[in-house]
Amino acid sequence: MDLKIEDQRTAPRVAVQFRAMVLGSVESEGVGIIVDLSRSGCRLESPLLMLPGLSLELRIAVPGLEWALTIDGADVQWTNEETAGLAFVRIRETEQQRLDDVMTTRLERKAEGGDEEQVEMVPFEFQGLEPVFAKDPELAINKGLAWFAQDRTQFRFRGGSLLGRAFPPCTPEFAAALAELVKAGGDTEADFSLAILQNYLGSTSTDGVLKEIVSRFSDDTRKMDEIRATINSTGVVSGEFWLAEAWRVKKESLTRWLTDERQAVKTFTEQHIAELGRMILSERRRVEAERELRERNRHEDESGHDHGYRAKPF
């Protein structure tokens, strides 16, 4: 038996529901949901056409991470209708460490009995409500807020997921209704809105909601950290400096916030633009250092030196 496949089958895995951008399918690119994750692979649900043998790129939005987890190469091992089993075959060392940290946290939570219900996507009693909500953003928000108040921990996998399906892109009407909710409400309404915004990571359609939260809760460290993570989340990008370039686009987009008349929003924006600048510079230096190291090793290898290193077979 193939030892690599055997390792993947026996590797610890957890049930999750992470949104992901998928590149490299027959249909080029699209979205999906990671519903089963291990250090060496995952199970992906997506309407994209995926065939065994294809190599995909994944950008996985993990709550709590400032930017998407990147898998440079995930080979399709098997498919079953809209589900595929993937093996991670190319992942940078820094991304592998981030994946290991995610798995460690999730496995610890599972051991404590905290992840048992994550496999349930949308409860049966919620089915069929998407078209009703899509026509009435205020009804959707009122119902969603009630679900959120009942169970915050599972909301993202239940009511939050359903609202994301009802509004696959965040419409101006839906965003405006959320902003009004934050403006008139308190902590619960702001936290509910932040939970909803996890459906739209990397999108600027929710900027009005984010600014409303900043204007009212600028002294709340936890909320501001969530705002920064939401802003920093990247969409589909590629290239050696893909992360630095994605942040550059975020930084340029954020300059529009400076026209807001509220001082709290201006102060937050100025600080985060400066932070993004530092992040971009640091990421570029990291990539350049890795490139220089690869070039040095290549030249030494061509000179006949053996470093004891062999590339992993893909």
Protein backbone atom coordinates (compact mmCIF):
# COMPACT_ATOMS: atom_id res chain seq x y z
CA MET A 1 0.00 0.00 0.00
CA ASP A 2 1.13 3.53 -0.75
CA LEU A 3 2.63 4.81 2.51
CA LYS A 4 1.71 8.40 1.66
CA ILE A 5 -1.97 7.48 1.25
CA GLU A 6 -1.85 5.33 4.37
CA ASP A 7 -0.40 8.25 6.38
CA GLN A 8 -3.20 10.50 5.16
CA ARG A 9 -5.85 8.01 6.19
CA THR A 10 -4.47 7.63 9.68
CA ALA A 11 -3.57 11.29 10.25
CA PRO A 12 -5.71 13.02 12.89
CA ARG A 13 -8.51 14.99 11.27
CA VAL A 14 -11.21 17.37 12.44
CA ALA A 15 -14.60 18.38 11.10
CA VAL A 16 -14.60 22.05 10.11
CA GLN A 17 -16.48 24.39 7.81
CA PHE A 18 -13.92 26.74 6.27
CA ARG A 19 -14.66 28.71 3.11
CA ALA A 20 -12.00 28.33 0.44
CA MET A 21 -11.08 29.81 -2.92
CA VAL A 22 -10.15 27.04 -5.37
CA LEU A 23 -7.84 27.51 -8.35
CA GLY A 24 -6.86 25.01 -11.01
CA SER A 25 -10.07 23.04 -11.48
CA VAL A 26 -11.44 22.31 -14.92
CA GLU A 27 -13.47 25.51 -14.50
CA SER A 28 -10.33 27.46 -13.53
CA GLU A 29 -11.44 28.98 -10.22
CA GLY A 30 -14.33 29.18 -7.77
CA VAL A 31 -15.31 28.61 -4.17
CA GLY A 32 -15.86 25.65 -1.88
CA ILE A 33 -16.16 24.52 1.72
CA ILE A 34 -13.49 22.54 3.57
CA VAL A 35 -15.45 20.11 5.75
CA ASP A 36 -12.72 17.72 6.90
CA LEU A 37 -9.14 18.78 7.59
CA SER A 38 -5.87 17.11 8.53
CA ARG A 39 -2.21 18.13 8.33
CA SER A 40 -1.85 16.28 5.02
CA GLY A 41 -5.17 16.79 3.25
CA CYS A 42 -8.83 17.67 3.37
CA ARG A 43 -12.29 16.95 2.04
CA LEU A 44 -13.67 19.71 -0.17
CA GLU A 45 -17.29 20.37 -1.13
CA SER A 46 -17.64 22.51 -4.25
CA PRO A 47 -19.83 22.74 -7.36
CA LEU A 48 -16.64 23.02 -9.42
CA LEU A 49 -15.75 20.14 -11.71
CA MET A 50 -12.83 18.34 -10.03
CA LEU A 51 -11.25 15.23 -11.52
CA PRO A 52 -8.83 12.72 -9.94
CA GLY A 53 -5.26 13.68 -10.78
CA LEU A 54 -5.86 17.44 -10.92
CA SER A 55 -3.64 19.68 -8.81
CA LEU A 56 -5.46 22.58 -7.13
CA GLU A 57 -4.44 25.68 -5.21
CA LEU A 58 -6.42 26.56 -2.09
CA ARG A 59 -6.87 29.80 -0.15
CA ILE A 60 -8.62 28.77 3.07
CA ALA A 61 -10.32 31.36 5.28
CA VAL A 62 -9.70 30.21 8.86
CA PRO A 63 -11.35 32.27 11.62
CA GLY A 64 -8.68 33.83 13.80
CA LEU A 65 -6.01 33.98 11.07
CA GLU A 66 -5.14 37.41 9.67
CA TRP A 67 -4.94 36.12 6.10
CA ALA A 68 -5.99 33.04 4.18
CA LEU A 69 -4.12 29.77 4.70
CA THR A 70 -2.46 28.92 1.38
CA ILE A 71 -1.98 25.43 -0.03
CA ASP A 72 0.08 25.72 -3.22
CA GLY A 73 -0.61 22.16 -4.37
CA ALA A 74 -3.52 19.87 -3.39
CA ASP A 75 -3.93 16.78 -5.61
CA VAL A 76 -7.41 15.36 -6.14
CA GLN A 77 -7.36 11.75 -4.92
CA TRP A 78 -11.04 10.89 -5.42
CA THR A 79 -14.35 12.55 -6.22
CA ASN A 80 -18.00 11.83 -5.44
CA GLU A 81 -20.48 14.24 -7.04
CA GLU A 82 -19.62 17.63 -5.46
CA THR A 83 -17.13 16.25 -2.91
CA ALA A 84 -13.42 15.59 -3.43
CA GLY A 85 -10.63 14.17 -1.29
CA LEU A 86 -7.42 16.20 -1.56
CA ALA A 87 -3.84 15.45 -0.57
CA PHE A 88 -1.58 18.41 0.24
CA VAL A 89 1.61 17.96 -1.79
CA ARG A 90 3.01 21.50 -2.00
CA ILE A 91 2.89 23.86 0.96
CA ARG A 92 5.45 26.41 2.08
CA GLU A 93 7.11 25.92 5.44
CA THR A 94 5.48 29.02 6.94
CA GLU A 95 2.04 27.88 5.76
CA GLN A 96 2.64 24.35 7.08
CA GLN A 97 3.37 25.84 10.50
CA ARG A 98 0.15 27.85 10.36
CA LEU A 99 -1.77 24.71 9.36
CA ASP A 100 -0.14 22.76 12.21
CA ASP A 101 -1.18 25.49 14.66
CA VAL A 102 -4.78 25.35 13.38
CA MET A 103 -4.85 21.56 13.70
CA THR A 104 -3.37 21.63 17.21
CA THR A 105 -6.01 24.11 18.37
CA ARG A 106 -8.86 22.18 16.75
CA LEU A 107 -7.70 18.79 18.06
CA GLU A 108 -7.42 20.18 21.59
CA ARG A 109 -10.93 21.57 21.31
CA LYS A 110 -12.19 18.26 19.93
CA ALA A 111 -10.61 16.41 22.86
CA GLU A 112 -12.55 18.70 25.19
CA GLY A 113 -15.78 17.89 23.34
CA GLY A 114 -16.09 21.30 21.70
CA ASP A 115 -16.16 20.36 18.02
CA GLU A 116 -18.66 17.54 17.94
CA GLU A 117 -21.40 19.48 16.12
CA GLN A 118 -19.30 21.16 13.46
CA VAL A 119 -20.15 18.57 10.82
CA GLU A 120 -23.74 19.86 10.64
CA MET A 121 -23.92 22.49 7.92
CA VAL A 122 -27.45 23.93 8.09
CA PRO A 123 -30.10 22.29 10.32
CA PHE A 124 -33.04 20.67 8.56
CA GLU A 125 -35.54 23.15 9.99
CA PHE A 126 -33.65 26.02 8.31
CA GLN A 127 -33.81 24.50 4.83
CA GLY A 128 -35.74 26.51 2.23
CA LEU A 129 -35.46 29.85 4.04
CA GLU A 130 -32.76 31.28 1.77
CA PRO A 131 -35.10 32.65 -0.94
CA VAL A 132 -37.39 34.14 1.73
CA PHE A 133 -34.50 35.93 3.43
CA ALA A 134 -32.98 37.05 0.11
CA LYS A 135 -36.09 39.17 -0.49
CA ASP A 136 -36.16 40.72 2.98
CA PRO A 137 -32.76 41.66 4.54
CA GLU A 138 -34.37 43.03 7.71
CA LEU A 139 -36.28 39.78 8.30
CA ALA A 140 -33.07 37.81 7.71
CA ILE A 141 -31.16 39.94 10.21
CA ASN A 142 -33.87 39.80 12.88
CA LYS A 143 -34.11 36.02 12.63
CA GLY A 144 -30.34 35.64 12.48
CA LEU A 145 -29.89 37.82 15.56
CA ALA A 146 -32.30 35.59 17.48
CA TRP A 147 -30.32 32.48 16.47
CA PHE A 148 -27.08 34.21 17.43
CA ALA A 149 -28.42 35.06 20.90
CA GLN A 150 -29.42 31.43 21.43
CA ASP A 151 -26.06 29.87 20.52
CA ARG A 152 -23.10 32.02 19.57
CA THR A 153 -20.61 29.15 19.36
CA GLN A 154 -22.49 27.26 16.64
CA PHE A 155 -24.04 30.26 14.88
CA ARG A 156 -21.40 30.38 12.13
CA PHE A 157 -22.13 26.78 11.18
CA ARG A 158 -25.90 27.17 11.30
CA GLY A 159 -27.73 30.51 11.02
CA GLY A 160 -24.61 32.33 9.83
CA SER A 161 -24.08 29.80 7.06
CA LEU A 162 -27.71 30.08 5.99
CA LEU A 163 -27.54 33.88 5.77
CA GLY A 164 -24.41 33.54 3.67
CA ARG A 165 -26.35 31.33 1.29
CA ALA A 166 -29.25 33.78 1.18
CA PHE A 167 -26.86 36.63 0.32
CA PRO A 168 -23.94 34.95 -1.54
CA PRO A 169 -22.62 38.38 -2.46
CA CYS A 170 -23.32 40.91 0.27
CA THR A 171 -25.91 43.16 -1.38
CA PRO A 172 -25.97 46.92 -0.66
CA GLU A 173 -29.36 46.47 1.04
CA PHE A 174 -28.06 43.72 3.31
CA ALA A 175 -24.90 45.70 4.19
CA ALA A 176 -26.95 48.83 4.91
CA ALA A 177 -29.29 46.90 7.19
CA LEU A 178 -26.33 45.45 9.12
CA ALA A 179 -24.77 48.91 9.48
CA GLU A 180 -28.05 50.29 10.86
CA LEU A 181 -28.22 47.38 13.31
CA VAL A 182 -24.73 48.19 14.61
CA LYS A 183 -25.52 51.90 14.80
CA ALA A 184 -28.64 51.35 16.90
CA GLY A 185 -27.49 48.32 18.90
CA GLY A 186 -24.85 47.30 21.39
CA ASP A 187 -22.20 44.59 21.84
CA THR A 188 -24.45 41.73 20.81
CA GLU A 189 -25.48 43.40 17.56
CA ALA A 190 -21.86 44.25 16.71
CA ASP A 191 -20.66 40.72 17.47
CA PHE A 192 -23.51 39.29 15.40
CA SER A 193 -22.52 41.51 12.46
CA LEU A 194 -18.87 40.46 12.78
CA ALA A 195 -19.97 36.82 12.69
CA ILE A 196 -21.98 37.47 9.53
CA LEU A 197 -19.03 39.23 7.89
CA GLN A 198 -17.06 35.96 8.07
CA ASN A 199 -19.09 35.01 4.98
CA TYR A 200 -17.52 37.87 3.00
CA LEU A 201 -13.81 37.80 3.83
CA GLY A 202 -11.79 39.83 1.37
CA SER A 203 -14.81 41.76 0.05
CA THR A 204 -15.13 45.56 0.22
CA SER A 205 -18.93 45.33 0.07
CA THR A 206 -19.05 45.29 3.87
CA ASP A 207 -16.86 48.35 4.45
CA GLY A 208 -19.82 50.38 5.69
CA VAL A 209 -20.55 47.81 8.40
CA LEU A 210 -16.89 47.62 9.42
CA LYS A 211 -16.59 51.40 9.70
CA GLU A 212 -19.74 51.57 11.80
CA ILE A 213 -18.27 49.04 14.24
CA VAL A 214 -14.97 50.95 14.36
CA SER A 215 -16.76 54.25 15.03
CA ARG A 216 -18.67 52.79 17.99
CA PHE A 217 -16.27 50.25 19.48
CA SER A 218 -12.77 51.61 18.79
CA ASP A 219 -11.74 50.88 22.40
CA ASP A 220 -12.78 47.22 22.18
CA THR A 221 -9.53 45.38 21.43
CA ARG A 222 -11.18 42.11 20.49
CA LYS A 223 -13.55 43.70 18.00
CA MET A 224 -10.77 45.77 16.46
CA ASP A 225 -8.63 42.65 16.06
CA GLU A 226 -11.50 40.98 14.23
CA ILE A 227 -11.91 44.04 12.02
CA ARG A 228 -8.20 43.94 11.10
CA ALA A 229 -8.36 40.22 10.35
CA THR A 230 -11.39 40.76 8.12
CA ILE A 231 -9.69 43.58 6.23
CA ASN A 232 -6.46 41.61 5.81
CA SER A 233 -8.15 38.51 4.38
CA THR A 234 -7.15 37.97 0.76
CA GLY A 235 -9.01 36.62 -2.23
CA VAL A 236 -7.53 34.71 -5.16
CA VAL A 237 -4.01 35.93 -5.92
CA SER A 238 -0.89 34.32 -7.35
CA GLY A 239 2.78 35.00 -7.99
CA GLU A 240 5.91 34.99 -5.87
CA PHE A 241 4.91 38.18 -4.06
CA TRP A 242 1.20 37.30 -3.98
CA LEU A 243 0.70 38.07 -0.32
CA ALA A 244 2.53 41.40 -0.42
CA GLU A 245 0.59 42.35 -3.55
CA ALA A 246 -2.74 41.39 -1.94
CA TRP A 247 -1.93 43.58 1.05
CA ARG A 248 -0.90 46.42 -1.25
CA VAL A 249 -4.35 46.29 -2.85
CA LYS A 250 -5.91 46.25 0.63
CA LYS A 251 -3.85 49.25 1.63
CA GLU A 252 -4.93 51.24 -1.44
CA SER A 253 -8.56 50.28 -0.90
CA LEU A 254 -8.39 51.39 2.71
CA THR A 255 -7.42 54.96 1.77
CA ARG A 256 -11.09 55.55 0.91
CA TRP A 257 -11.86 55.24 4.61
CA LEU A 258 -9.86 58.41 5.26
CA THR A 259 -12.71 60.49 3.85
CA ASP A 260 -14.95 59.38 6.74
CA GLU A 261 -15.67 62.32 9.03
CA ARG A 262 -15.63 60.23 12.23
CA GLN A 263 -12.33 60.62 14.08
CA ALA A 264 -12.31 57.04 15.38
CA VAL A 265 -12.53 55.72 11.82
CA LYS A 266 -9.76 58.05 10.60
CA THR A 267 -7.44 57.11 13.46
CA PHE A 268 -8.02 53.38 12.96
CA THR A 269 -7.49 53.72 9.21
CA GLU A 270 -4.24 55.65 9.53
CA GLN A 271 -2.87 53.11 11.99
CA HIS A 272 -3.86 50.12 9.90
CA ILE A 273 -2.53 51.60 6.66
CA ALA A 274 0.81 52.03 8.43
CA GLU A 275 0.59 48.44 9.74
CA LEU A 276 -0.14 47.09 6.26
CA GLY A 277 2.90 48.99 4.98
CA ARG A 278 5.09 47.24 7.55
CA MET A 279 3.54 43.87 6.71
CA ILE A 280 4.15 44.38 2.98
CA LEU A 281 7.79 45.32 3.55
CA SER A 282 8.36 42.35 5.87
CA GLU A 283 6.72 39.91 3.42
CA ARG A 284 8.79 41.20 0.49
CA ARG A 285 11.99 40.83 2.49
CA ARG A 286 11.01 37.28 3.44
CA VAL A 287 10.34 36.27 -0.17
CA GLU A 288 13.57 37.90 -1.38
CA ALA A 289 15.55 36.11 1.35
CA GLU A 290 13.99 32.76 0.35
CA ARG A 291 14.77 33.47 -3.30
CA GLU A 292 18.38 34.33 -2.48
CA LEU A 293 18.74 31.15 -0.43
CA ARG A 294 17.34 29.03 -3.28
CA GLU A 295 19.73 30.64 -5.75
CA ARG A 296 22.69 30.08 -3.44
CA ASN A 297 21.76 26.43 -2.94
CA ARG A 298 21.27 25.97 -6.68
CA HIS A 299 24.69 27.37 -7.48
CA GLU A 300 26.30 25.23 -4.80
CA ASP A 301 24.52 22.13 -6.10
CA GLU A 302 25.72 22.88 -9.63
CA SER A 303 29.23 23.05 -8.20
CA GLY A 304 28.91 19.49 -6.96
CA HIS A 305 28.05 20.10 -3.30
CA ASP A 306 25.60 17.75 -1.61
CA HIS A 307 23.61 19.33 1.23
CA GLY A 308 21.82 16.13 2.11
CA TYR A 309 18.54 17.68 0.89
CA ARG A 310 16.17 16.10 -1.58
CA ALA A 311 13.06 17.74 -2.86
CA LYS A 312 9.83 16.07 -1.84
CA PRO A 313 8.23 14.05 -4.66
CA PHE A 314 4.98 15.67 -5.75
